[in-house]
Amino acid sequence: TMKDLEYYLSGLAKKEGLRSPFPFRLEGKATAAEYHVIQPLAVSKA
């Protein structure tokens, strides 16, 4: 999950002395990757 990945990256950064922020990439099969594509709303604040 995303939370698993966040914990993992935190530990890896500490172990390797990698400073935040940093980029990463993932490649592989996902059972499910939920996403959204934003679009404008009529209201001024949301």
All heavy atoms as atom14 arrays in JSON, in Angstrom:
{
  "sequence": "TMKDLEYYLSGLAKKEGLRSPFPFRLEGKATAAEYHVIQPLAVSKA",
  "atom14_mask": [
    [1, 1, 1, 1, 1, 1, 1, 0, 0, 0, 0, 0, 0, 0],
    [1, 1, 1, 1, 1, 1, 1, 1, 0, 0, 0, 0, 0, 0],
    [1, 1, 1, 1, 1, 1, 1, 1, 1, 0, 0, 0, 0, 0],
    [1, 1, 1, 1, 1, 1, 1, 1, 0, 0, 0, 0, 0, 0],
    [1, 1, 1, 1, 1, 1, 1, 1, 0, 0, 0, 0, 0, 0],
    [1, 1, 1, 1, 1, 1, 1, 1, 1, 0, 0, 0, 0, 0],
    [1, 1, 1, 1, 1, 1, 1, 1, 1, 1, 1, 1, 0, 0],
    [1, 1, 1, 1, 1, 1, 1, 1, 1, 1, 1, 1, 0, 0],
    [1, 1, 1, 1, 1, 1, 1, 1, 0, 0, 0, 0, 0, 0],
    [1, 1, 1, 1, 1, 1, 0, 0, 0, 0, 0, 0, 0, 0],
    [1, 1, 1, 1, 0, 0, 0, 0, 0, 0, 0, 0, 0, 0],
    [1, 1, 1, 1, 1, 1, 1, 1, 0, 0, 0, 0, 0, 0],
    [1, 1, 1, 1, 1, 0, 0, 0, 0, 0, 0, 0, 0, 0],
    [1, 1, 1, 1, 1, 1, 1, 1, 1, 0, 0, 0, 0, 0],
    [1, 1, 1, 1, 1, 1, 1, 1, 1, 0, 0, 0, 0, 0],
    [1, 1, 1, 1, 1, 1, 1, 1, 1, 0, 0, 0, 0, 0],
    [1, 1, 1, 1, 0, 0, 0, 0, 0, 0, 0, 0, 0, 0],
    [1, 1, 1, 1, 1, 1, 1, 1, 0, 0, 0, 0, 0, 0],
    [1, 1, 1, 1, 1, 1, 1, 1, 1, 1, 1, 0, 0, 0],
    [1, 1, 1, 1, 1, 1, 0, 0, 0, 0, 0, 0, 0, 0],
    [1, 1, 1, 1, 1, 1, 1, 0, 0, 0, 0, 0, 0, 0],
    [1, 1, 1, 1, 1, 1, 1, 1, 1, 1, 1, 0, 0, 0],
    [1, 1, 1, 1, 1, 1, 1, 0, 0, 0, 0, 0, 0, 0],
    [1, 1, 1, 1, 1, 1, 1, 1, 1, 1, 1, 0, 0, 0],
    [1, 1, 1, 1, 1, 1, 1, 1, 1, 1, 1, 0, 0, 0],
    [1, 1, 1, 1, 1, 1, 1, 1, 0, 0, 0, 0, 0, 0],
    [1, 1, 1, 1, 1, 1, 1, 1, 1, 0, 0, 0, 0, 0],
    [1, 1, 1, 1, 0, 0, 0, 0, 0, 0, 0, 0, 0, 0],
    [1, 1, 1, 1, 1, 1, 1, 1, 1, 0, 0, 0, 0, 0],
    [1, 1, 1, 1, 1, 0, 0, 0, 0, 0, 0, 0, 0, 0],
    [1, 1, 1, 1, 1, 1, 1, 0, 0, 0, 0, 0, 0, 0],
    [1, 1, 1, 1, 1, 0, 0, 0, 0, 0, 0, 0, 0, 0],
    [1, 1, 1, 1, 1, 0, 0, 0, 0, 0, 0, 0, 0, 0],
    [1, 1, 1, 1, 1, 1, 1, 1, 1, 0, 0, 0, 0, 0],
    [1, 1, 1, 1, 1, 1, 1, 1, 1, 1, 1, 1, 0, 0],
    [1, 1, 1, 1, 1, 1, 1, 1, 1, 1, 0, 0, 0, 0],
    [1, 1, 1, 1, 1, 1, 1, 0, 0, 0, 0, 0, 0, 0],
    [1, 1, 1, 1, 1, 1, 1, 1, 0, 0, 0, 0, 0, 0],
    [1, 1, 1, 1, 1, 1, 1, 1, 1, 0, 0, 0, 0, 0],
    [1, 1, 1, 1, 1, 1, 1, 0, 0, 0, 0, 0, 0, 0],
    [1, 1, 1, 1, 1, 1, 1, 1, 0, 0, 0, 0, 0, 0],
    [1, 1, 1, 1, 1, 0, 0, 0, 0, 0, 0, 0, 0, 0],
    [1, 1, 1, 1, 1, 1, 1, 0, 0, 0, 0, 0, 0, 0],
    [1, 1, 1, 1, 1, 1, 0, 0, 0, 0, 0, 0, 0, 0],
    [1, 1, 1, 1, 1, 1, 1, 1, 1, 0, 0, 0, 0, 0],
    [1, 1, 1, 1, 1, 0, 0, 0, 0, 0, 0, 0, 0, 0]
  ],
  "atom14_positions": [
    [[0.82, -1.2, 0.0], [0.0, 0.0, 0.0], [0.86, 1.26, 0.0], [2.09, 1.2, 0.15], [-0.91, 0.03, 1.24], [-0.09, 0.18, 2.41], [-1.72, -1.25, 1.35], [0.0, 0.0, 0.0], [0.0, 0.0, 0.0], [0.0, 0.0, 0.0], [0.0, 0.0, 0.0], [0.0, 0.0, 0.0], [0.0, 0.0, 0.0], [0.0, 0.0, 0.0]],
    [[0.2, 2.41, -0.14], [0.93, 3.68, -0.07], [1.57, 3.87, 1.3], [2.69, 4.37, 1.4], [-0.02, 4.84, -0.37], [-0.42, 4.93, -1.83], [-1.58, 6.28, -2.18], [-0.6, 7.71, -1.77], [0.0, 0.0, 0.0], [0.0, 0.0, 0.0], [0.0, 0.0, 0.0], [0.0, 0.0, 0.0], [0.0, 0.0, 0.0], [0.0, 0.0, 0.0]],
    [[0.89, 3.47, 2.36], [1.45, 3.61, 3.7], [2.66, 2.71, 3.88], [3.68, 3.11, 4.45], [0.38, 3.29, 4.75], [0.82, 3.6, 6.18], [1.23, 5.05, 6.37], [0.07, 6.0, 6.25], [0.47, 7.42, 6.54], [0.0, 0.0, 0.0], [0.0, 0.0, 0.0], [0.0, 0.0, 0.0], [0.0, 0.0, 0.0], [0.0, 0.0, 0.0]],
    [[2.58, 1.47, 3.34], [3.75, 0.58, 3.37], [4.94, 1.23, 2.66], [6.07, 1.2, 3.14], [3.44, -0.74, 2.65], [2.4, -1.59, 3.34], [2.16, -1.38, 4.55], [1.83, -2.47, 2.67], [0.0, 0.0, 0.0], [0.0, 0.0, 0.0], [0.0, 0.0, 0.0], [0.0, 0.0, 0.0], [0.0, 0.0, 0.0], [0.0, 0.0, 0.0]],
    [[4.65, 1.81, 1.49], [5.72, 2.43, 0.7], [6.32, 3.62, 1.43], [7.54, 3.81, 1.43], [5.15, 2.86, -0.65], [6.13, 3.54, -1.61], [7.26, 2.6, -1.99], [5.39, 4.03, -2.86], [0.0, 0.0, 0.0], [0.0, 0.0, 0.0], [0.0, 0.0, 0.0], [0.0, 0.0, 0.0], [0.0, 0.0, 0.0], [0.0, 0.0, 0.0]],
    [[5.49, 4.41, 2.08], [5.98, 5.57, 2.82], [6.92, 5.13, 3.96], [8.0, 5.7, 4.13], [4.8, 6.36, 3.39], [5.2, 7.65, 4.07], [3.99, 8.48, 4.47], [2.93, 8.34, 3.84], [4.13, 9.27, 5.42], [0.0, 0.0, 0.0], [0.0, 0.0, 0.0], [0.0, 0.0, 0.0], [0.0, 0.0, 0.0], [0.0, 0.0, 0.0]],
    [[6.53, 4.11, 4.72], [7.39, 3.59, 5.79], [8.7, 3.04, 5.22], [9.78, 3.26, 5.77], [6.68, 2.47, 6.54], [5.61, 2.93, 7.5], [4.48, 2.15, 7.71], [5.71, 4.14, 8.19], [3.48, 2.56, 8.59], [4.72, 4.56, 9.05], [3.61, 3.76, 9.25], [2.63, 4.17, 10.12], [0.0, 0.0, 0.0], [0.0, 0.0, 0.0]],
    [[8.58, 2.34, 4.12], [9.78, 1.75, 3.52], [10.77, 2.81, 3.06], [11.97, 2.73, 3.32], [9.39, 0.85, 2.34], [10.58, 0.33, 1.61], [11.35, -0.69, 2.14], [10.96, 0.89, 0.39], [12.48, -1.15, 1.48], [12.08, 0.43, -0.27], [12.84, -0.59, 0.28], [13.96, -1.03, -0.37], [0.0, 0.0, 0.0], [0.0, 0.0, 0.0]],
    [[10.26, 3.82, 2.35], [11.13, 4.88, 1.86], [11.76, 5.66, 3.01], [12.93, 6.08, 2.93], [10.36, 5.83, 0.94], [9.94, 5.24, -0.41], [9.05, 6.22, -1.16], [11.17, 4.88, -1.25], [0.0, 0.0, 0.0], [0.0, 0.0, 0.0], [0.0, 0.0, 0.0], [0.0, 0.0, 0.0], [0.0, 0.0, 0.0], [0.0, 0.0, 0.0]],
    [[11.02, 5.86, 4.09], [11.56, 6.54, 5.26], [12.74, 5.76, 5.83], [13.8, 6.32, 6.13], [10.46, 6.7, 6.32], [10.99, 7.21, 7.52], [0.0, 0.0, 0.0], [0.0, 0.0, 0.0], [0.0, 0.0, 0.0], [0.0, 0.0, 0.0], [0.0, 0.0, 0.0], [0.0, 0.0, 0.0], [0.0, 0.0, 0.0], [0.0, 0.0, 0.0]],
    [[12.57, 4.46, 5.98], [13.65, 3.64, 6.52], [14.84, 3.56, 5.59], [15.99, 3.61, 6.04], [0.0, 0.0, 0.0], [0.0, 0.0, 0.0], [0.0, 0.0, 0.0], [0.0, 0.0, 0.0], [0.0, 0.0, 0.0], [0.0, 0.0, 0.0], [0.0, 0.0, 0.0], [0.0, 0.0, 0.0], [0.0, 0.0, 0.0], [0.0, 0.0, 0.0]],
    [[14.59, 3.45, 4.31], [15.68, 3.4, 3.34], [16.48, 4.69, 3.35], [17.72, 4.67, 3.3], [15.11, 3.13, 1.94], [16.11, 3.02, 0.79], [17.05, 1.85, 1.01], [15.39, 2.88, -0.54], [0.0, 0.0, 0.0], [0.0, 0.0, 0.0], [0.0, 0.0, 0.0], [0.0, 0.0, 0.0], [0.0, 0.0, 0.0], [0.0, 0.0, 0.0]],
    [[15.79, 5.82, 3.42], [16.47, 7.12, 3.45], [17.36, 7.24, 4.69], [18.51, 7.72, 4.6], [15.46, 8.25, 3.41], [0.0, 0.0, 0.0], [0.0, 0.0, 0.0], [0.0, 0.0, 0.0], [0.0, 0.0, 0.0], [0.0, 0.0, 0.0], [0.0, 0.0, 0.0], [0.0, 0.0, 0.0], [0.0, 0.0, 0.0], [0.0, 0.0, 0.0]],
    [[16.86, 6.81, 5.83], [17.65, 6.88, 7.06], [18.86, 5.96, 6.99], [19.96, 6.32, 7.4], [16.78, 6.52, 8.26], [15.74, 7.56, 8.61], [14.82, 7.1, 9.72], [13.73, 8.13, 9.99], [12.76, 7.65, 11.01], [0.0, 0.0, 0.0], [0.0, 0.0, 0.0], [0.0, 0.0, 0.0], [0.0, 0.0, 0.0], [0.0, 0.0, 0.0]],
    [[18.65, 4.77, 6.49], [19.74, 3.79, 6.39], [20.84, 4.26, 5.46], [22.03, 4.11, 5.74], [19.16, 2.46, 5.89], [20.16, 1.34, 5.73], [20.63, 0.84, 7.06], [21.53, -0.38, 6.88], [22.02, -0.88, 8.19], [0.0, 0.0, 0.0], [0.0, 0.0, 0.0], [0.0, 0.0, 0.0], [0.0, 0.0, 0.0], [0.0, 0.0, 0.0]],
    [[20.46, 4.86, 4.35], [21.43, 5.25, 3.32], [21.86, 6.71, 3.39], [22.67, 7.16, 2.59], [20.84, 4.96, 1.93], [20.56, 3.5, 1.67], [21.83, 2.68, 1.61], [22.77, 3.06, 0.88], [21.9, 1.66, 2.33], [0.0, 0.0, 0.0], [0.0, 0.0, 0.0], [0.0, 0.0, 0.0], [0.0, 0.0, 0.0], [0.0, 0.0, 0.0]],
    [[21.3, 7.46, 4.34], [21.66, 8.88, 4.45], [21.13, 9.72, 3.32], [21.73, 10.73, 2.95], [0.0, 0.0, 0.0], [0.0, 0.0, 0.0], [0.0, 0.0, 0.0], [0.0, 0.0, 0.0], [0.0, 0.0, 0.0], [0.0, 0.0, 0.0], [0.0, 0.0, 0.0], [0.0, 0.0, 0.0], [0.0, 0.0, 0.0], [0.0, 0.0, 0.0]],
    [[20.01, 9.32, 2.76], [19.4, 10.05, 1.64], [18.52, 11.16, 2.19], [17.64, 10.93, 3.01], [18.57, 9.09, 0.8], [18.02, 9.59, -0.53], [19.14, 9.97, -1.48], [17.12, 8.52, -1.16], [0.0, 0.0, 0.0], [0.0, 0.0, 0.0], [0.0, 0.0, 0.0], [0.0, 0.0, 0.0], [0.0, 0.0, 0.0], [0.0, 0.0, 0.0]],
    [[18.78, 12.37, 1.74], [18.05, 13.52, 2.26], [16.71, 13.71, 1.56], [16.57, 13.49, 0.38], [18.87, 14.8, 2.11], [20.11, 14.86, 3.01], [20.83, 16.19, 2.84], [21.25, 16.38, 1.44], [21.77, 17.5, 0.97], [21.89, 18.55, 1.76], [22.15, 17.59, -0.29], [0.0, 0.0, 0.0], [0.0, 0.0, 0.0], [0.0, 0.0, 0.0]],
    [[15.74, 14.14, 2.34], [14.41, 14.5, 1.82], [14.45, 15.96, 1.38], [15.09, 16.78, 2.04], [13.39, 14.3, 2.94], [12.18, 14.9, 2.66], [0.0, 0.0, 0.0], [0.0, 0.0, 0.0], [0.0, 0.0, 0.0], [0.0, 0.0, 0.0], [0.0, 0.0, 0.0], [0.0, 0.0, 0.0], [0.0, 0.0, 0.0], [0.0, 0.0, 0.0]],
    [[13.8, 16.28, 0.26], [12.98, 15.45, -0.61], [13.82, 14.69, -1.64], [14.93, 15.1, -1.97], [12.06, 16.46, -1.29], [12.9, 17.69, -1.41], [13.75, 17.71, -0.15], [0.0, 0.0, 0.0], [0.0, 0.0, 0.0], [0.0, 0.0, 0.0], [0.0, 0.0, 0.0], [0.0, 0.0, 0.0], [0.0, 0.0, 0.0], [0.0, 0.0, 0.0]],
    [[13.23, 13.61, -2.16], [13.89, 12.89, -3.24], [12.84, 12.24, -4.13], [11.74, 11.91, -3.69], [14.88, 11.86, -2.71], [14.29, 10.79, -1.83], [13.7, 9.65, -2.37], [14.35, 10.91, -0.45], [13.16, 8.66, -1.56], [13.81, 9.92, 0.37], [13.23, 8.8, -0.18], [0.0, 0.0, 0.0], [0.0, 0.0, 0.0], [0.0, 0.0, 0.0]],
    [[13.2, 12.04, -5.4], [12.27, 11.38, -6.34], [12.45, 9.87, -6.28], [13.49, 9.36, -5.84], [12.7, 11.93, -7.69], [14.18, 12.11, -7.53], [14.4, 12.52, -6.09], [0.0, 0.0, 0.0], [0.0, 0.0, 0.0], [0.0, 0.0, 0.0], [0.0, 0.0, 0.0], [0.0, 0.0, 0.0], [0.0, 0.0, 0.0], [0.0, 0.0, 0.0]],
    [[11.45, 9.16, -6.76], [11.54, 7.71, -6.9], [10.62, 7.28, -8.02], [9.74, 8.03, -8.45], [11.17, 7.0, -5.59], [9.76, 7.23, -5.13], [8.73, 6.37, -5.53], [9.44, 8.31, -4.33], [7.43, 6.59, -5.12], [8.14, 8.54, -3.91], [7.14, 7.68, -4.3], [0.0, 0.0, 0.0], [0.0, 0.0, 0.0], [0.0, 0.0, 0.0]],
    [[10.84, 6.08, -8.49], [9.98, 5.51, -9.52], [9.65, 4.07, -9.16], [10.45, 3.39, -8.51], [10.66, 5.54, -10.9], [10.89, 6.93, -11.46], [11.78, 6.89, -12.7], [11.34, 5.88, -13.65], [12.14, 4.92, -14.13], [13.4, 4.86, -13.77], [11.66, 4.04, -15.0], [0.0, 0.0, 0.0], [0.0, 0.0, 0.0], [0.0, 0.0, 0.0]],
    [[8.49, 3.61, -9.58], [8.07, 2.22, -9.43], [7.67, 1.67, -10.79], [7.04, 2.37, -11.58], [6.88, 2.1, -8.48], [7.05, 2.55, -7.03], [5.71, 2.46, -6.3], [8.1, 1.74, -6.3], [0.0, 0.0, 0.0], [0.0, 0.0, 0.0], [0.0, 0.0, 0.0], [0.0, 0.0, 0.0], [0.0, 0.0, 0.0], [0.0, 0.0, 0.0]],
    [[8.03, 0.42, -11.04], [7.59, -0.28, -12.25], [7.2, -1.69, -11.85], [7.96, -2.39, -11.18], [8.69, -0.33, -13.3], [9.0, 0.99, -13.96], [10.02, 0.86, -15.09], [10.25, -0.3, -15.55], [10.58, 1.87, -15.5], [0.0, 0.0, 0.0], [0.0, 0.0, 0.0], [0.0, 0.0, 0.0], [0.0, 0.0, 0.0], [0.0, 0.0, 0.0]],
    [[6.02, -2.1, -12.25], [5.58, -3.45, -11.95], [4.07, -3.54, -11.98], [3.37, -2.57, -12.28], [0.0, 0.0, 0.0], [0.0, 0.0, 0.0], [0.0, 0.0, 0.0], [0.0, 0.0, 0.0], [0.0, 0.0, 0.0], [0.0, 0.0, 0.0], [0.0, 0.0, 0.0], [0.0, 0.0, 0.0], [0.0, 0.0, 0.0], [0.0, 0.0, 0.0]],
    [[3.58, -4.71, -11.64], [2.14, -4.96, -11.69], [1.45, -4.43, -10.44], [1.96, -4.59, -9.33], [1.87, -6.45, -11.84], [0.43, -6.81, -12.09], [0.28, -8.31, -12.3], [-1.18, -8.69, -12.52], [-1.35, -10.16, -12.69], [0.0, 0.0, 0.0], [0.0, 0.0, 0.0], [0.0, 0.0, 0.0], [0.0, 0.0, 0.0], [0.0, 0.0, 0.0]],
    [[0.32, -3.81, -10.63], [-0.51, -3.35, -9.52], [-1.81, -4.14, -9.54], [-2.45, -4.27, -10.58], [-0.8, -1.87, -9.63], [0.0, 0.0, 0.0], [0.0, 0.0, 0.0], [0.0, 0.0, 0.0], [0.0, 0.0, 0.0], [0.0, 0.0, 0.0], [0.0, 0.0, 0.0], [0.0, 0.0, 0.0], [0.0, 0.0, 0.0], [0.0, 0.0, 0.0]],
    [[-2.17, -4.66, -8.37], [-3.5, -5.26, -8.25], [-4.55, -4.19, -8.48], [-5.55, -4.42, -9.16], [-3.66, -5.89, -6.86], [-2.62, -6.84, -6.65], [-5.01, -6.58, -6.73], [0.0, 0.0, 0.0], [0.0, 0.0, 0.0], [0.0, 0.0, 0.0], [0.0, 0.0, 0.0], [0.0, 0.0, 0.0], [0.0, 0.0, 0.0], [0.0, 0.0, 0.0]],
    [[-4.3, -3.0, -7.91], [-5.18, -1.85, -8.14], [-4.41, -0.56, -7.87], [-3.78, -0.43, -6.83], [-6.41, -1.92, -7.25], [0.0, 0.0, 0.0], [0.0, 0.0, 0.0], [0.0, 0.0, 0.0], [0.0, 0.0, 0.0], [0.0, 0.0, 0.0], [0.0, 0.0, 0.0], [0.0, 0.0, 0.0], [0.0, 0.0, 0.0], [0.0, 0.0, 0.0]],
    [[-4.44, 0.34, -8.82], [-3.88, 1.68, -8.65], [-5.0, 2.67, -8.92], [-5.38, 2.89, -10.07], [-2.71, 1.91, -9.6], [0.0, 0.0, 0.0], [0.0, 0.0, 0.0], [0.0, 0.0, 0.0], [0.0, 0.0, 0.0], [0.0, 0.0, 0.0], [0.0, 0.0, 0.0], [0.0, 0.0, 0.0], [0.0, 0.0, 0.0], [0.0, 0.0, 0.0]],
    [[-5.56, 3.24, -7.85], [-6.66, 4.2, -7.99], [-6.07, 5.59, -8.22], [-5.13, 6.0, -7.54], [-7.53, 4.19, -6.73], [-8.2, 2.86, -6.45], [-9.0, 2.87, -5.16], [-9.43, 3.96, -4.74], [-9.17, 1.78, -4.57], [0.0, 0.0, 0.0], [0.0, 0.0, 0.0], [0.0, 0.0, 0.0], [0.0, 0.0, 0.0], [0.0, 0.0, 0.0]],
    [[-6.66, 6.3, -9.16], [-6.13, 7.63, -9.48], [-7.27, 8.57, -9.84], [-8.41, 8.16, -10.1], [-5.14, 7.55, -10.64], [-5.76, 7.25, -11.99], [-6.17, 8.29, -12.83], [-5.94, 5.94, -12.43], [-6.75, 8.03, -14.06], [-6.53, 5.67, -13.66], [-6.92, 6.71, -14.48], [-7.5, 6.46, -15.69], [0.0, 0.0, 0.0], [0.0, 0.0, 0.0]],
    [[-6.96, 9.87, -9.83], [-7.94, 10.84, -10.32], [-7.25, 11.82, -11.25], [-6.02, 12.0, -11.2], [-8.62, 11.6, -9.16], [-7.77, 12.62, -8.5], [-7.04, 12.38, -7.35], [-7.51, 13.92, -8.82], [-6.38, 13.47, -7.0], [-6.65, 14.42, -7.88], [0.0, 0.0, 0.0], [0.0, 0.0, 0.0], [0.0, 0.0, 0.0], [0.0, 0.0, 0.0]],
    [[-8.04, 12.42, -12.1], [-7.59, 13.51, -12.97], [-8.44, 14.72, -12.6], [-9.66, 14.7, -12.74], [-7.74, 13.18, -14.46], [-7.33, 14.37, -15.31], [-6.9, 11.95, -14.81], [0.0, 0.0, 0.0], [0.0, 0.0, 0.0], [0.0, 0.0, 0.0], [0.0, 0.0, 0.0], [0.0, 0.0, 0.0], [0.0, 0.0, 0.0], [0.0, 0.0, 0.0]],
    [[-7.79, 15.74, -12.1], [-8.51, 16.91, -11.58], [-9.11, 17.71, -12.73], [-8.6, 17.72, -13.86], [-7.55, 17.77, -10.73], [-8.32, 18.6, -9.72], [-6.65, 18.63, -11.6], [-7.45, 19.14, -8.6], [0.0, 0.0, 0.0], [0.0, 0.0, 0.0], [0.0, 0.0, 0.0], [0.0, 0.0, 0.0], [0.0, 0.0, 0.0], [0.0, 0.0, 0.0]],
    [[-10.21, 18.39, -12.44], [-10.81, 19.31, -13.39], [-11.42, 20.47, -12.61], [-11.69, 20.35, -11.41], [-11.84, 18.62, -14.26], [-13.02, 18.02, -13.55], [-14.0, 17.37, -14.52], [-14.05, 17.7, -15.7], [-14.78, 16.43, -14.02], [0.0, 0.0, 0.0], [0.0, 0.0, 0.0], [0.0, 0.0, 0.0], [0.0, 0.0, 0.0], [0.0, 0.0, 0.0]],
    [[-11.64, 21.61, -13.26], [-12.1, 22.81, -12.55], [-13.46, 22.62, -11.89], [-14.31, 21.89, -12.39], [-12.17, 23.87, -13.66], [-11.27, 23.37, -14.74], [-11.37, 21.87, -14.68], [0.0, 0.0, 0.0], [0.0, 0.0, 0.0], [0.0, 0.0, 0.0], [0.0, 0.0, 0.0], [0.0, 0.0, 0.0], [0.0, 0.0, 0.0], [0.0, 0.0, 0.0]],
    [[-13.62, 23.29, -10.75], [-14.91, 23.33, -10.05], [-15.52, 24.72, -10.19], [-14.8, 25.71, -10.32], [-14.72, 23.02, -8.56], [-14.55, 21.55, -8.17], [-14.24, 21.45, -6.69], [-15.8, 20.76, -8.5], [0.0, 0.0, 0.0], [0.0, 0.0, 0.0], [0.0, 0.0, 0.0], [0.0, 0.0, 0.0], [0.0, 0.0, 0.0], [0.0, 0.0, 0.0]],
    [[-16.84, 24.78, -10.12], [-17.53, 26.07, -10.25], [-17.34, 26.93, -9.01], [-17.33, 28.16, -9.09], [-19.01, 25.84, -10.5], [0.0, 0.0, 0.0], [0.0, 0.0, 0.0], [0.0, 0.0, 0.0], [0.0, 0.0, 0.0], [0.0, 0.0, 0.0], [0.0, 0.0, 0.0], [0.0, 0.0, 0.0], [0.0, 0.0, 0.0], [0.0, 0.0, 0.0]],
    [[-17.15, 26.3, -7.84], [-17.0, 27.08, -6.6], [-15.6, 27.65, -6.52], [-14.65, 27.11, -7.07], [-17.28, 26.2, -5.36], [-18.72, 25.73, -5.38], [-16.33, 25.03, -5.3], [0.0, 0.0, 0.0], [0.0, 0.0, 0.0], [0.0, 0.0, 0.0], [0.0, 0.0, 0.0], [0.0, 0.0, 0.0], [0.0, 0.0, 0.0], [0.0, 0.0, 0.0]],
    [[-15.48, 28.78, -5.79], [-14.18, 29.46, -5.7], [-13.23, 28.78, -4.74], [-12.02, 28.87, -4.89], [-14.37, 30.91, -5.27], [-15.0, 30.98, -4.01], [0.0, 0.0, 0.0], [0.0, 0.0, 0.0], [0.0, 0.0, 0.0], [0.0, 0.0, 0.0], [0.0, 0.0, 0.0], [0.0, 0.0, 0.0], [0.0, 0.0, 0.0], [0.0, 0.0, 0.0]],
    [[-13.77, 28.07, -3.73], [-12.93, 27.38, -2.76], [-13.47, 25.97, -2.56], [-14.67, 25.76, -2.46], [-12.89, 28.11, -1.42], [-12.13, 29.43, -1.45], [-12.02, 30.04, -0.06], [-11.25, 31.36, -0.1], [-11.11, 31.95, 1.26], [0.0, 0.0, 0.0], [0.0, 0.0, 0.0], [0.0, 0.0, 0.0], [0.0, 0.0, 0.0], [0.0, 0.0, 0.0]],
    [[-12.55, 25.02, -2.49], [-12.95, 23.63, -2.28], [-11.8, 22.88, -1.63], [-10.63, 23.25, -1.79], [-13.32, 22.97, -3.6], [0.0, 0.0, 0.0], [0.0, 0.0, 0.0], [0.0, 0.0, 0.0], [0.0, 0.0, 0.0], [0.0, 0.0, 0.0], [0.0, 0.0, 0.0], [0.0, 0.0, 0.0], [0.0, 0.0, 0.0], [0.0, 0.0, 0.0]]
  ]
}
